[in-house]
PDB file of N, CA and C in Angstrom:
ATOM      1  N   MET A   1       0.678  -0.624   0.071  1.00  0.00           N
ATOM      2  CA  MET A   1      -0.358   0.627  -0.306  1.00  0.00           C
ATOM      3  C   MET A   1       0.866   1.103   0.322  1.00  0.00           C
ATOM      4  N   GLY A   2       1.604   1.047   0.439  1.00  0.00           N
ATOM      5  CA  GLY A   2       2.888   1.809   0.520  1.00  0.00           C
ATOM      6  C   GLY A   2       3.264   3.253  -0.962  1.00  0.00           C
ATOM      7  N   GLY A   3       3.330   1.677  -1.338  1.00  0.00           N
ATOM      8  CA  GLY A   3       4.147   2.168  -3.095  1.00  0.00           C
ATOM      9  C   GLY A   3       3.151   2.411  -3.582  1.00  0.00           C
ATOM     10  N   TYR A   4       1.742   2.314  -3.471  1.00  0.00           N
ATOM     11  CA  TYR A   4       0.978   2.555  -3.810  1.00  0.00           C
ATOM     12  C   TYR A   4       0.644   4.748  -3.685  1.00  0.00           C
ATOM     13  N   ASN A   5       0.860   4.904  -2.711  1.00  0.00           N
ATOM     14  CA  ASN A   5       0.799   6.193  -1.970  1.00  0.00           C
ATOM     15  C   ASN A   5       2.078   7.234  -2.405  1.00  0.00           C
ATOM     16  N   LYS A   6       3.299   6.170  -3.254  1.00  0.00           N
ATOM     17  CA  LYS A   6       4.283   7.095  -3.313  1.00  0.00           C
ATOM     18  C   LYS A   6       3.586   7.725  -5.027  1.00  0.00           C
ATOM     19  N   LYS A   7       3.369   6.893  -5.370  1.00  0.00           N
ATOM     20  CA  LYS A   7       2.981   7.060  -7.087  1.00  0.00           C
ATOM     21  C   LYS A   7       2.015   7.822  -7.336  1.00  0.00           C
ATOM     22  N   LYS A   8       1.211   8.094  -6.131  1.00  0.00           N
ATOM     23  CA  LYS A   8       0.295   9.145  -5.983  1.00  0.00           C
ATOM     24  C   LYS A   8       0.800  10.649  -5.765  1.00  0.00           C
ATOM     25  N   GLN A   9       2.336  10.799  -4.695  1.00  0.00           N
ATOM     26  CA  GLN A   9       2.435  11.787  -4.467  1.00  0.00           C
ATOM     27  C   GLN A   9       3.567  12.483  -6.050  1.00  0.00           C
ATOM     28  N   ILE A  10       4.186  10.912  -6.284  1.00  0.00           N
ATOM     29  CA  ILE A  10       5.299  11.333  -7.683  1.00  0.00           C
ATOM     30  C   ILE A  10       4.177  12.027  -8.833  1.00  0.00           C
ATOM     31  N   ALA A  11       3.723  11.754  -8.875  1.00  0.00           N
ATOM     32  CA  ALA A  11       2.223  12.390 -10.035  1.00  0.00           C
ATOM     33  C   ALA A  11       1.526  13.646  -9.551  1.00  0.00           C
ATOM     34  N   LEU A  12       1.050  13.623  -8.630  1.00  0.00           N
ATOM     35  CA  LEU A  12       0.790  15.468  -7.546  1.00  0.00           C
ATOM     36  C   LEU A  12       2.123  15.983  -8.230  1.00  0.00           C
ATOM     37  N   ILE A  13       3.259  15.760  -7.846  1.00  0.00           N
ATOM     38  CA  ILE A  13       4.477  16.226  -8.103  1.00  0.00           C
ATOM     39  C   ILE A  13       4.109  16.986  -9.149  1.00  0.00           C
ATOM     40  N   ARG A  14       4.207  16.091 -10.409  1.00  0.00           N
ATOM     41  CA  ARG A  14       4.235  16.279 -11.692  1.00  0.00           C
ATOM     42  C   ARG A  14       3.182  17.300 -12.327  1.00  0.00           C
ATOM     43  N   LEU A  15       2.305  17.419 -11.498  1.00  0.00           N
ATOM     44  CA  LEU A  15       0.987  18.005 -12.180  1.00  0.00           C
ATOM     45  C   LEU A  15       1.295  19.171 -11.395  1.00  0.00           C
ATOM     46  N   ILE A  16       2.137  19.892 -10.723  1.00  0.00           N
ATOM     47  CA  ILE A  16       1.380  20.762  -9.849  1.00  0.00           C
ATOM     48  C   ILE A  16       2.737  21.952 -10.892  1.00  0.00           C
ATOM     49  N   HIS A  17       4.059  21.149 -11.444  1.00  0.00           N
ATOM     50  CA  HIS A  17       5.547  21.303 -11.907  1.00  0.00           C
ATOM     51  C   HIS A  17       4.838  21.646 -12.795  1.00  0.00           C
ATOM     52  N   LEU A  18       4.074  21.077 -14.019  1.00  0.00           N
ATOM     53  CA  LEU A  18       3.514  21.037 -15.987  1.00  0.00           C
ATOM     54  C   LEU A  18       2.373  22.289 -15.117  1.00  0.00           C
ATOM     55  N   HIS A  19       2.050  22.548 -13.652  1.00  0.00           N
ATOM     56  CA  HIS A  19       0.947  24.116 -13.269  1.00  0.00           C
ATOM     57  C   HIS A  19       1.688  24.504 -13.449  1.00  0.00           C
ATOM     58  N   ASN A  20       2.552  24.878 -12.437  1.00  0.00           N
ATOM     59  CA  ASN A  20       3.594  26.296 -12.603  1.00  0.00           C
ATOM     60  C   ASN A  20       4.367  26.026 -13.857  1.00  0.00           C
ATOM     61  N   SER A  21       4.618  25.561 -14.390  1.00  0.00           N
ATOM     62  CA  SER A  21       5.935  26.034 -15.343  1.00  0.00           C
ATOM     63  C   SER A  21       4.731  26.824 -17.319  1.00  0.00           C
ATOM     64  N   GLY A  22       3.134  26.630 -16.682  1.00  0.00           N
ATOM     65  CA  GLY A  22       1.890  26.624 -17.625  1.00  0.00           C
ATOM     66  C   GLY A  22       2.288  25.603 -18.858  1.00  0.00           C
ATOM     67  N   GLN A  23       2.501  24.809 -18.784  1.00  0.00           N
ATOM     68  CA  GLN A  23       2.724  23.564 -20.313  1.00  0.00           C
ATOM     69  C   GLN A  23       1.636  23.431 -20.307  1.00  0.00           C
ATOM     70  N   PRO A  24       0.464  22.991 -21.417  1.00  0.00           N
ATOM     71  CA  PRO A  24      -0.092  21.531 -21.152  1.00  0.00           C
ATOM     72  C   PRO A  24      -0.173  19.912 -20.788  1.00  0.00           C
ATOM     73  N   TYR A  25      -0.557  19.513 -19.782  1.00  0.00           N
ATOM     74  CA  TYR A  25      -0.488  18.331 -19.399  1.00  0.00           C
ATOM     75  C   TYR A  25      -0.835  17.262 -19.656  1.00  0.00           C
ATOM     76  N   CYS A  26      -0.412  15.943 -21.003  1.00  0.00           N
ATOM     77  CA  CYS A  26      -0.071  15.039 -21.434  1.00  0.00           C
ATOM     78  C   CYS A  26       0.778  14.044 -20.555  1.00  0.00           C
ATOM     79  N   HIS A  27      -0.415  13.031 -20.554  1.00  0.00           N
ATOM     80  CA  HIS A  27       0.321  11.557 -20.175  1.00  0.00           C
ATOM     81  C   HIS A  27       1.517  10.598 -20.616  1.00  0.00           C
ATOM     82  N   PRO A  28       2.165  10.443 -20.098  1.00  0.00           N
ATOM     83  CA  PRO A  28       3.312   9.964 -20.891  1.00  0.00           C
ATOM     84  C   PRO A  28       3.539   9.143 -21.560  1.00  0.00           C
ATOM     85  N   MET A  29       2.380   8.313 -21.548  1.00  0.00           N
ATOM     86  CA  MET A  29       1.861   6.908 -22.718  1.00  0.00           C
ATOM     87  C   MET A  29       1.239   7.240 -23.517  1.00  0.00           C
ATOM     88  N   LYS A  30       0.382   9.049 -23.739  1.00  0.00           N
ATOM     89  CA  LYS A  30      -0.269   9.310 -24.536  1.00  0.00           C
ATOM     90  C   LYS A  30       0.332  10.087 -25.457  1.00  0.00           C
ATOM     91  N   LYS A  31       0.141  10.641 -26.562  1.00  0.00           N
ATOM     92  CA  LYS A  31       0.269  11.187 -27.621  1.00  0.00           C
ATOM     93  C   LYS A  31      -0.652  12.456 -27.008  1.00  0.00           C
ATOM     94  N   PRO A  32      -0.125  13.716 -27.512  1.00  0.00           N
ATOM     95  CA  PRO A  32      -0.621  14.777 -27.792  1.00  0.00           C
ATOM     96  C   PRO A  32      -2.230  14.914 -28.594  1.00  0.00           C
ATOM     97  N   ALA A  33      -2.912  15.981 -27.668  1.00  0.00           N
ATOM     98  CA  ALA A  33      -4.566  15.669 -29.294  1.00  0.00           C
ATOM     99  C   ALA A  33      -3.417  16.050 -30.538  1.00  0.00           C
ATOM    100  N   ILE A  34      -4.790  16.579 -31.524  1.00  0.00           N
ATOM    101  CA  ILE A  34      -4.005  16.886 -33.049  1.00  0.00           C
ATOM    102  C   ILE A  34      -5.418  17.186 -33.076  1.00  0.00           C
ATOM    103  N   ARG A  35      -4.882  18.935 -33.399  1.00  0.00           N
ATOM    104  CA  ARG A  35      -6.157  19.349 -33.512  1.00  0.00           C
ATOM    105  C   ARG A  35      -6.866  19.173 -35.182  1.00  0.00           C
ATOM    106  N   LEU A  36      -7.891  19.162 -35.583  1.00  0.00           N
ATOM    107  CA  LEU A  36      -8.908  18.951 -37.125  1.00  0.00           C
ATOM    108  C   LEU A  36      -9.631  19.754 -37.429  1.00  0.00           C
ATOM    109  N   TYR A  37      -9.528  19.988 -38.355  1.00  0.00           N
ATOM    110  CA  TYR A  37     -10.652  20.819 -39.426  1.00  0.00           C
ATOM    111  C   TYR A  37     -11.752  20.586 -39.646  1.00  0.00           C
ATOM    112  N   GLY A  38     -12.286  20.838 -40.797  1.00  0.00           N
ATOM    113  CA  GLY A  38     -13.310  21.061 -41.095  1.00  0.00           C
ATOM    114  C   GLY A  38     -13.817  19.667 -41.241  1.00  0.00           C
ATOM    115  N   LYS A  39     -14.766  18.742 -41.767  1.00  0.00           N
ATOM    116  CA  LYS A  39     -15.589  17.519 -41.908  1.00  0.00           C
ATOM    117  C   LYS A  39     -15.618  15.987 -42.185  1.00  0.00           C
ATOM    118  N   GLY A  40     -14.134  16.208 -42.639  1.00  0.00           N
ATOM    119  CA  GLY A  40     -13.586  14.967 -43.970  1.00  0.00           C
ATOM    120  C   GLY A  40     -14.652  14.672 -45.083  1.00  0.00           C
ATOM    121  N   SER A  41     -13.576  13.927 -44.812  1.00  0.00           N
ATOM    122  CA  SER A  41     -14.083  12.409 -46.263  1.00  0.00           C
ATOM    123  C   SER A  41     -14.742  12.143 -45.781  1.00  0.00           C
ATOM    124  N   ALA A  42     -16.097  11.501 -46.209  1.00  0.00           N
ATOM    125  CA  ALA A  42     -16.798  10.359 -46.011  1.00  0.00           C
ATOM    126  C   ALA A  42     -15.981   8.492 -46.596  1.00  0.00           C
ATOM    127  N   ILE A  43     -15.858   8.082 -45.948  1.00  0.00           N
ATOM    128  CA  ILE A  43     -15.303   6.344 -46.016  1.00  0.00           C
ATOM    129  C   ILE A  43     -15.447   6.208 -47.548  1.00  0.00           C
ATOM    130  N   THR A  44     -16.731   5.794 -47.576  1.00  0.00           N
ATOM    131  CA  THR A  44     -17.971   5.495 -48.680  1.00  0.00           C
ATOM    132  C   THR A  44     -17.745   5.764 -49.606  1.00  0.00           C
ATOM    133  N   ASP A  45     -17.398   7.427 -49.563  1.00  0.00           N
ATOM    134  CA  ASP A  45     -16.833   8.369 -50.718  1.00  0.00           C
ATOM    135  C   ASP A  45     -15.722   7.934 -51.914  1.00  0.00           C
ATOM    136  N   TYR A  46     -16.296   7.541 -52.840  1.00  0.00           N
ATOM    137  CA  TYR A  46     -14.552   6.601 -53.530  1.00  0.00           C
ATOM    138  C   TYR A  46     -14.079   8.016 -53.978  1.00  0.00           C
ATOM    139  N   ASP A  47     -14.713   8.784 -55.041  1.00  0.00           N
ATOM    140  CA  ASP A  47     -14.654   9.457 -56.176  1.00  0.00           C
ATOM    141  C   ASP A  47     -13.657  10.133 -55.303  1.00  0.00           C
ATOM    142  N   SER A  48     -14.117  11.063 -54.039  1.00  0.00           N
ATOM    143  CA  SER A  48     -13.466  12.416 -52.572  1.00  0.00           C
ATOM    144  C   SER A  48     -11.391  11.075 -52.424  1.00  0.00           C
ATOM    145  N   LEU A  49     -11.929  10.617 -52.229  1.00  0.00           N
ATOM    146  CA  LEU A  49     -10.644   9.793 -51.536  1.00  0.00           C
ATOM    147  C   LEU A  49      -9.985   9.400 -52.330  1.00  0.00           C
ATOM    148  N   HIS A  50     -10.133   8.700 -53.796  1.00  0.00           N
ATOM    149  CA  HIS A  50      -9.642   9.062 -55.271  1.00  0.00           C
ATOM    150  C   HIS A  50      -8.658  10.119 -55.542  1.00  0.00           C
ATOM    151  N   ARG A  51      -9.183  11.270 -55.267  1.00  0.00           N
ATOM    152  CA  ARG A  51      -9.375  12.302 -55.971  1.00  0.00           C
ATOM    153  C   ARG A  51      -8.137  12.911 -54.618  1.00  0.00           C
ATOM    154  N   ARG A  52      -8.359  12.698 -53.284  1.00  0.00           N
ATOM    155  CA  ARG A  52      -7.220  13.144 -52.855  1.00  0.00           C
ATOM    156  C   ARG A  52      -6.107  12.337 -52.211  1.00  0.00           C
ATOM    157  N   ALA A  53      -5.566  11.307 -52.603  1.00  0.00           N
ATOM    158  CA  ALA A  53      -4.471  10.370 -53.510  1.00  0.00           C
ATOM    159  C   ALA A  53      -4.558  10.629 -54.042  1.00  0.00           C
ATOM    160  N   LYS A  54      -4.549  11.207 -55.411  1.00  0.00           N
ATOM    161  CA  LYS A  54      -3.890  11.500 -57.106  1.00  0.00           C
ATOM    162  C   LYS A  54      -3.303  13.175 -56.270  1.00  0.00           C
ATOM    163  N   SER A  55      -4.596  13.640 -55.226  1.00  0.00           N
ATOM    164  CA  SER A  55      -3.119  14.935 -55.238  1.00  0.00           C
ATOM    165  C   SER A  55      -2.585  15.287 -53.696  1.00  0.00           C
ATOM    166  N   LYS A  56      -2.329  14.396 -53.378  1.00  0.00           N
ATOM    167  CA  LYS A  56      -0.692  13.447 -52.605  1.00  0.00           C
ATOM    168  C   LYS A  56       0.141  12.973 -53.022  1.00  0.00           C
ATOM    169  N   GLN A  57      -0.149  12.252 -54.235  1.00  0.00           N
ATOM    170  CA  GLN A  57       0.402  11.992 -55.149  1.00  0.00           C
ATOM    171  C   GLN A  57       1.294  12.430 -54.888  1.00  0.00           C
ATOM    172  N   ILE A  58       0.876  13.697 -56.451  1.00  0.00           N
ATOM    173  CA  ILE A  58       1.399  14.663 -57.511  1.00  0.00           C
ATOM    174  C   ILE A  58       1.820  15.709 -55.780  1.00  0.00           C
ATOM    175  N   THR A  59       1.599  15.957 -55.007  1.00  0.00           N
ATOM    176  CA  THR A  59       2.270  16.907 -54.357  1.00  0.00           C
ATOM    177  C   THR A  59       3.530  16.269 -53.617  1.00  0.00           C
ATOM    178  N   GLN A  60       3.048  15.060 -52.857  1.00  0.00           N
ATOM    179  CA  GLN A  60       4.752  14.151 -52.853  1.00  0.00           C
ATOM    180  C   GLN A  60       6.181  13.586 -53.726  1.00  0.00           C
ATOM    181  N   VAL A  61       5.315  13.853 -55.062  1.00  0.00           N
ATOM    182  CA  VAL A  61       6.600  13.645 -56.781  1.00  0.00           C
ATOM    183  C   VAL A  61       7.315  15.839 -56.423  1.00  0.00           C
ATOM    184  N   THR A  62       6.123  16.703 -56.130  1.00  0.00           N
ATOM    185  CA  THR A  62       6.628  18.494 -56.811  1.00  0.00           C
ATOM    186  C   THR A  62       8.197  18.242 -55.705  1.00  0.00           C
ATOM    187  N   MET A  63       7.186  18.133 -53.658  1.00  0.00           N
ATOM    188  CA  MET A  63       7.826  18.574 -52.590  1.00  0.00           C
ATOM    189  C   MET A  63       9.402  17.711 -52.680  1.00  0.00           C
ATOM    190  N   LEU A  64       9.706  16.781 -53.666  1.00  0.00           N
ATOM    191  CA  LEU A  64      10.590  16.257 -53.505  1.00  0.00           C
ATOM    192  C   LEU A  64      11.808  17.195 -54.080  1.00  0.00           C
ATOM    193  N   HIS A  65      11.140  17.453 -55.736  1.00  0.00           N
ATOM    194  CA  HIS A  65      11.813  18.059 -56.431  1.00  0.00           C
ATOM    195  C   HIS A  65      12.014  19.535 -55.369  1.00  0.00           C
ATOM    196  N   LEU A  66      11.684  20.248 -55.222  1.00  0.00           N
ATOM    197  CA  LEU A  66      11.096  21.066 -55.018  1.00  0.00           C
ATOM    198  C   LEU A  66      12.603  21.778 -53.543  1.00  0.00           C
ATOM    199  N   VAL A  67      12.587  19.870 -52.651  1.00  0.00           N
ATOM    200  CA  VAL A  67      13.614  20.036 -51.710  1.00  0.00           C
ATOM    201  C   VAL A  67      15.483  19.867 -52.639  1.00  0.00           C
ATOM    202  N   ASP A  68      14.806  19.351 -53.518  1.00  0.00           N
ATOM    203  CA  ASP A  68      16.672  19.483 -53.909  1.00  0.00           C
ATOM    204  C   ASP A  68      17.181  20.499 -54.312  1.00  0.00           C
ATOM    205  N   VAL A  69      16.112  21.066 -55.188  1.00  0.00           N
ATOM    206  CA  VAL A  69      15.858  22.196 -55.786  1.00  0.00           C
ATOM    207  C   VAL A  69      16.677  23.750 -54.493  1.00  0.00           C
ATOM    208  N   ALA A  70      15.964  23.157 -53.418  1.00  0.00           N
ATOM    209  CA  ALA A  70      16.197  24.322 -51.675  1.00  0.00           C
ATOM    210  C   ALA A  70      17.119  24.596 -51.479  1.00  0.00           C
ATOM    211  N   ARG A  71      18.108  22.881 -51.613  1.00  0.00           N
ATOM    212  CA  ARG A  71      18.847  22.327 -50.943  1.00  0.00           C
ATOM    213  C   ARG A  71      20.474  22.717 -51.647  1.00  0.00           C
ATOM    214  N   GLU A  72      19.926  23.094 -52.913  1.00  0.00           N
ATOM    215  CA  GLU A  72      21.159  22.887 -53.718  1.00  0.00           C
ATOM    216  C   GLU A  72      21.728  24.533 -53.553  1.00  0.00           C
ATOM    217  N   ARG A  73      20.269  25.232 -53.722  1.00  0.00           N
ATOM    218  CA  ARG A  73      20.218  26.756 -53.211  1.00  0.00           C
ATOM    219  C   ARG A  73      20.819  27.166 -51.863  1.00  0.00           C
ATOM    220  N   GLY A  74      20.941  26.267 -50.658  1.00  0.00           N
ATOM    221  CA  GLY A  74      21.246  26.637 -49.666  1.00  0.00           C
ATOM    222  C   GLY A  74      19.876  26.716 -49.061  1.00  0.00           C
ATOM    223  N   ALA A  75      19.053  27.046 -49.950  1.00  0.00           N
ATOM    224  CA  ALA A  75      17.833  27.457 -48.774  1.00  0.00           C
ATOM    225  C   ALA A  75      17.332  26.380 -47.367  1.00  0.00           C
ATOM    226  N   LYS A  76      17.733  26.623 -46.293  1.00  0.00           N
ATOM    227  CA  LYS A  76      17.120  25.559 -45.663  1.00  0.00           C
ATOM    228  C   LYS A  76      15.908  25.483 -44.715  1.00  0.00           C
ATOM    229  N   ASP A  77      15.826  27.018 -44.593  1.00  0.00           N
ATOM    230  CA  ASP A  77      14.020  27.292 -44.606  1.00  0.00           C
ATOM    231  C   ASP A  77      13.046  26.546 -45.779  1.00  0.00           C
ATOM    232  N   ARG A  78      13.438  26.881 -46.172  1.00  0.00           N
ATOM    233  CA  ARG A  78      12.350  26.630 -47.444  1.00  0.00           C
ATOM    234  C   ARG A  78      12.844  24.649 -47.220  1.00  0.00           C
ATOM    235  N   VAL A  79      13.919  23.978 -46.587  1.00  0.00           N
ATOM    236  CA  VAL A  79      13.907  23.314 -46.931  1.00  0.00           C
ATOM    237  C   VAL A  79      12.603  22.338 -45.801  1.00  0.00           C
ATOM    238  N   GLN A  80      13.012  22.798 -44.654  1.00  0.00           N
ATOM    239  CA  GLN A  80      11.494  22.263 -44.178  1.00  0.00           C
ATOM    240  C   GLN A  80      10.714  22.700 -44.155  1.00  0.00           C
ATOM    241  N   GLY A  81      10.217  23.875 -44.584  1.00  0.00           N
ATOM    242  CA  GLY A  81       8.439  24.103 -44.893  1.00  0.00           C
ATOM    243  C   GLY A  81       8.427  22.930 -45.891  1.00  0.00           C
ATOM    244  N   TYR A  82       8.782  22.453 -47.360  1.00  0.00           N
ATOM    245  CA  TYR A  82       8.676  21.697 -47.945  1.00  0.00           C
ATOM    246  C   TYR A  82       8.706  19.979 -47.592  1.00  0.00           C
ATOM    247  N   TRP A  83       9.430  19.578 -46.651  1.00  0.00           N
ATOM    248  CA  TRP A  83       8.908  18.430 -46.051  1.00  0.00           C
ATOM    249  C   TRP A  83       7.656  18.470 -45.428  1.00  0.00           C
ATOM    250  N   ASN A  84       7.317  19.292 -44.874  1.00  0.00           N
ATOM    251  CA  ASN A  84       6.030  19.982 -43.969  1.00  0.00           C
ATOM    252  C   ASN A  84       4.668  18.930 -44.717  1.00  0.00           C
ATOM    253  N   THR A  85       5.296  20.140 -45.493  1.00  0.00           N
ATOM    254  CA  THR A  85       4.201  19.812 -46.903  1.00  0.00           C
ATOM    255  C   THR A  85       4.053  18.488 -47.885  1.00  0.00           C
ATOM    256  N   TYR A  86       5.786  17.576 -47.280  1.00  0.00           N
ATOM    257  CA  TYR A  86       5.377  16.344 -47.794  1.00  0.00           C
ATOM    258  C   TYR A  86       4.123  15.241 -46.965  1.00  0.00           C
ATOM    259  N   GLN A  87       4.492  15.445 -45.177  1.00  0.00           N
ATOM    260  CA  GLN A  87       4.377  15.062 -45.093  1.00  0.00           C
ATOM    261  C   GLN A  87       2.733  15.334 -44.334  1.00  0.00           C
ATOM    262  N   CYS A  88       2.596  16.087 -44.974  1.00  0.00           N
ATOM    263  CA  CYS A  88       0.796  17.031 -44.875  1.00  0.00           C
ATOM    264  C   CYS A  88      -0.269  15.245 -45.958  1.00  0.00           C
ATOM    265  N   GLN A  89      -0.357  15.481 -44.032  1.00  0.00           N
ATOM    266  CA  GLN A  89      -2.507  13.838 -44.982  1.00  0.00           C
ATOM    267  C   GLN A  89      -1.193  12.979 -44.913  1.00  0.00           C
ATOM    268  N   ASN A  90      -0.095  12.248 -43.823  1.00  0.00           N
ATOM    269  CA  ASN A  90       0.483  11.636 -44.264  1.00  0.00           C
ATOM    270  C   ASN A  90      -0.689  10.901 -42.968  1.00  0.00           C
ATOM    271  N   ASN A  91      -1.195  10.900 -41.807  1.00  0.00           N
ATOM    272  CA  ASN A  91      -2.032  10.511 -40.667  1.00  0.00           C
ATOM    273  C   ASN A  91      -3.224  10.321 -41.103  1.00  0.00           C
ATOM    274  N   LEU A  92      -3.766   9.792 -41.360  1.00  0.00           N
ATOM    275  CA  LEU A  92      -5.634  10.211 -41.234  1.00  0.00           C
ATOM    276  C   LEU A  92      -6.166   9.432 -39.841  1.00  0.00           C
ATOM    277  N   ILE A  93      -7.210   9.779 -40.082  1.00  0.00           N
ATOM    278  CA  ILE A  93      -8.248   9.803 -38.813  1.00  0.00           C
ATOM    279  C   ILE A  93      -9.033   9.612 -39.363  1.00  0.00           C
ATOM    280  N   VAL A  94      -9.739   8.258 -38.462  1.00  0.00           N
ATOM    281  CA  VAL A  94     -11.261   7.662 -39.101  1.00  0.00           C
ATOM    282  C   VAL A  94     -12.384   8.401 -37.816  1.00  0.00           C
ATOM    283  N   VAL A  95     -13.291   8.899 -37.863  1.00  0.00           N
ATOM    284  CA  VAL A  95     -13.688   9.925 -36.490  1.00  0.00           C
ATOM    285  C   VAL A  95     -15.577   9.725 -37.193  1.00  0.00           C
ATOM    286  N   ASP A  96     -16.309   9.175 -36.753  1.00  0.00           N
ATOM    287  CA  ASP A  96     -17.727   8.651 -36.869  1.00  0.00           C
ATOM    288  C   ASP A  96     -18.001   9.067 -38.296  1.00  0.00           C
ATOM    289  N   GLY A  97     -17.219   7.749 -38.329  1.00  0.00           N
ATOM    290  CA  GLY A  97     -17.408   6.959 -40.240  1.00  0.00           C
ATOM    291  C   GLY A  97     -16.615   8.356 -41.320  1.00  0.00           C
ATOM    292  N   ARG A  98     -15.884   8.740 -41.031  1.00  0.00           N
ATOM    293  CA  ARG A  98     -15.295  10.295 -42.026  1.00  0.00           C
ATOM    294  C   ARG A  98     -14.563  10.281 -41.777  1.00  0.00           C
ATOM    295  N   ILE A  99     -13.448  11.019 -42.412  1.00  0.00           N
ATOM    296  CA  ILE A  99     -11.188  10.939 -42.940  1.00  0.00           C
ATOM    297  C   ILE A  99     -11.237  11.823 -42.669  1.00  0.00           C
ATOM    298  N   ARG A 100     -10.108  11.917 -41.472  1.00  0.00           N
ATOM    299  CA  ARG A 100      -9.576  13.528 -41.196  1.00  0.00           C
ATOM    300  C   ARG A 100      -8.497  13.385 -41.360  1.00  0.00           C
ATOM    301  N   ALA A 101      -7.995  14.756 -40.917  1.00  0.00           N
ATOM    302  CA  ALA A 101      -5.852  14.450 -41.340  1.00  0.00           C
ATOM    303  C   ALA A 101      -5.868  15.987 -40.762  1.00  0.00           C
ATOM    304  N   PRO A 102      -4.465  15.970 -39.773  1.00  0.00           N
ATOM    305  CA  PRO A 102      -4.131  17.388 -39.159  1.00  0.00           C
ATOM    306  C   PRO A 102      -3.465  18.234 -41.230  1.00  0.00           C
ATOM    307  N   LEU A 103      -3.333  18.947 -40.861  1.00  0.00           N
ATOM    308  CA  LEU A 103      -3.563  20.509 -42.061  1.00  0.00           C
ATOM    309  C   LEU A 103      -1.849  21.199 -41.675  1.00  0.00           C
ATOM    310  N   CYS A 104      -1.035  20.755 -42.785  1.00  0.00           N
ATOM    311  CA  CYS A 104       0.029  21.109 -42.657  1.00  0.00           C
ATOM    312  C   CYS A 104       0.651  23.410 -42.842  1.00  0.00           C
ATOM    313  N   ARG A 105      -1.002  24.112 -43.189  1.00  0.00           N
ATOM    314  CA  ARG A 105      -1.461  24.761 -43.282  1.00  0.00           C
ATOM    315  C   ARG A 105      -0.149  26.011 -44.211  1.00  0.00           C
ATOM    316  N   SER A 106       0.553  25.643 -44.973  1.00  0.00           N
ATOM    317  CA  SER A 106       2.150  25.547 -46.078  1.00  0.00           C
ATOM    318  C   SER A 106       1.280  26.637 -47.227  1.00  0.00           C
ATOM    319  N   TRP A 107       1.076  27.047 -47.523  1.00  0.00           N
ATOM    320  CA  TRP A 107       0.534  28.697 -49.019  1.00  0.00           C
ATOM    321  C   TRP A 107       1.156  27.379 -50.156  1.00  0.00           C
ATOM    322  N   PHE A 108       2.821  27.157 -49.420  1.00  0.00           N
ATOM    323  CA  PHE A 108       2.903  26.194 -50.928  1.00  0.00           C
ATOM    324  C   PHE A 108       1.883  23.936 -51.329  1.00  0.00           C
ATOM    325  N   CYS A 109       1.161  23.703 -50.291  1.00  0.00           N
ATOM    326  CA  CYS A 109       0.756  22.486 -50.299  1.00  0.00           C
ATOM    327  C   CYS A 109      -1.023  22.715 -50.701  1.00  0.00           C
ATOM    328  N   PRO A 110      -0.746  22.143 -52.105  1.00  0.00           N
ATOM    329  CA  PRO A 110      -2.295  22.077 -53.190  1.00  0.00           C
ATOM    330  C   PRO A 110      -3.497  21.927 -51.600  1.00  0.00           C
ATOM    331  N   TYR A 111      -3.139  20.188 -51.315  1.00  0.00           N
ATOM    332  CA  TYR A 111      -4.145  20.825 -50.254  1.00  0.00           C
ATOM    333  C   TYR A 111      -4.883  21.682 -49.348  1.00  0.00           C
ATOM    334  N   CYS A 112      -3.894  21.512 -48.834  1.00  0.00           N
ATOM    335  CA  CYS A 112      -4.400  23.706 -47.621  1.00  0.00           C
ATOM    336  C   CYS A 112      -5.022  24.673 -48.763  1.00  0.00           C
ATOM    337  N   CYS A 113      -4.666  24.424 -49.839  1.00  0.00           N
ATOM    338  CA  CYS A 113      -4.721  25.626 -50.138  1.00  0.00           C
ATOM    339  C   CYS A 113      -5.978  26.116 -50.430  1.00  0.00           C
ATOM    340  N   VAL A 114      -6.424  24.860 -50.477  1.00  0.00           N
ATOM    341  CA  VAL A 114      -7.883  24.062 -51.437  1.00  0.00           C
ATOM    342  C   VAL A 114      -8.959  24.547 -50.286  1.00  0.00           C
ATOM    343  N   VAL A 115      -8.248  23.687 -49.087  1.00  0.00           N
ATOM    344  CA  VAL A 115      -8.960  23.984 -47.476  1.00  0.00           C
ATOM    345  C   VAL A 115      -9.528  25.914 -47.116  1.00  0.00           C
ATOM    346  N   ARG A 116      -7.743  26.078 -47.545  1.00  0.00           N
ATOM    347  CA  ARG A 116      -8.227  27.670 -46.657  1.00  0.00           C
ATOM    348  C   ARG A 116      -8.716  28.593 -47.756  1.00  0.00           C
ATOM    349  N   LYS A 117      -9.367  28.292 -49.248  1.00  0.00           N
ATOM    350  CA  LYS A 117      -9.850  29.171 -49.708  1.00  0.00           C
ATOM    351  C   LYS A 117     -11.295  29.310 -49.275  1.00  0.00           C
ATOM    352  N   ALA A 118     -11.317  27.324 -49.426  1.00  0.00           N
ATOM    353  CA  ALA A 118     -12.806  26.406 -48.880  1.00  0.00           C
ATOM    354  C   ALA A 118     -13.836  28.070 -48.042  1.00  0.00           C
ATOM    355  N   GLU A 119     -12.224  27.829 -46.731  1.00  0.00           N
ATOM    356  CA  GLU A 119     -12.902  28.577 -45.659  1.00  0.00           C
ATOM    357  C   GLU A 119     -12.822  30.009 -45.508  1.00  0.00           C
ATOM    358  N   LEU A 120     -12.142  30.914 -46.482  1.00  0.00           N
ATOM    359  CA  LEU A 120     -12.346  32.481 -46.953  1.00  0.00           C
ATOM    360  C   LEU A 120     -13.103  32.400 -47.476  1.00  0.00           C
ATOM    361  N   ILE A 121     -14.094  31.828 -48.766  1.00  0.00           N
ATOM    362  CA  ILE A 121     -15.632  31.949 -49.353  1.00  0.00           C
ATOM    363  C   ILE A 121     -16.478  31.676 -48.608  1.00  0.00           C
ATOM    364  N   ASN A 122     -16.604  31.068 -47.229  1.00  0.00           N
ATOM    365  CA  ASN A 122     -17.314  30.875 -46.752  1.00  0.00           C
ATOM    366  C   ASN A 122     -17.327  31.885 -45.496  1.00  0.00           C
ATOM    367  N   LYS A 123     -16.807  32.623 -45.421  1.00  0.00           N
ATOM    368  CA  LYS A 123     -16.375  33.718 -44.730  1.00  0.00           C
ATOM    369  C   LYS A 123     -16.743  34.700 -45.084  1.00  0.00           C
ATOM    370  N   TYR A 124     -16.613  34.449 -46.345  1.00  0.00           N
ATOM    371  CA  TYR A 124     -17.411  36.039 -47.782  1.00  0.00           C
ATOM    372  C   TYR A 124     -18.830  35.859 -47.094  1.00  0.00           C
TER     373      TYR A 124
END
């Protein structure tokens, strides 16, 4: 029983430390929460999934070429941005029968630009 109380004390100390540091708490065994935007695509909508896959393939090929060009020119900040775009939409998450994924939100990502344009149109 003494070991259980010790574990509770250590956990409480960690929570107090995190609270005082101002950082959000994340359980050490769990991954941090991911923010998802939009409604997503229905799993049964083949056309939508096909368009998403085709766009992803074109984006990845383009970004690999742009990474090579940026490395040749020594633009390190661009290289990181291109890699973020390359990895955009890599992890698909299924929520309530709809496919969703986190966005990179970069200006040269075709998928994120489409989402950004739709958001601007809806705001208008």
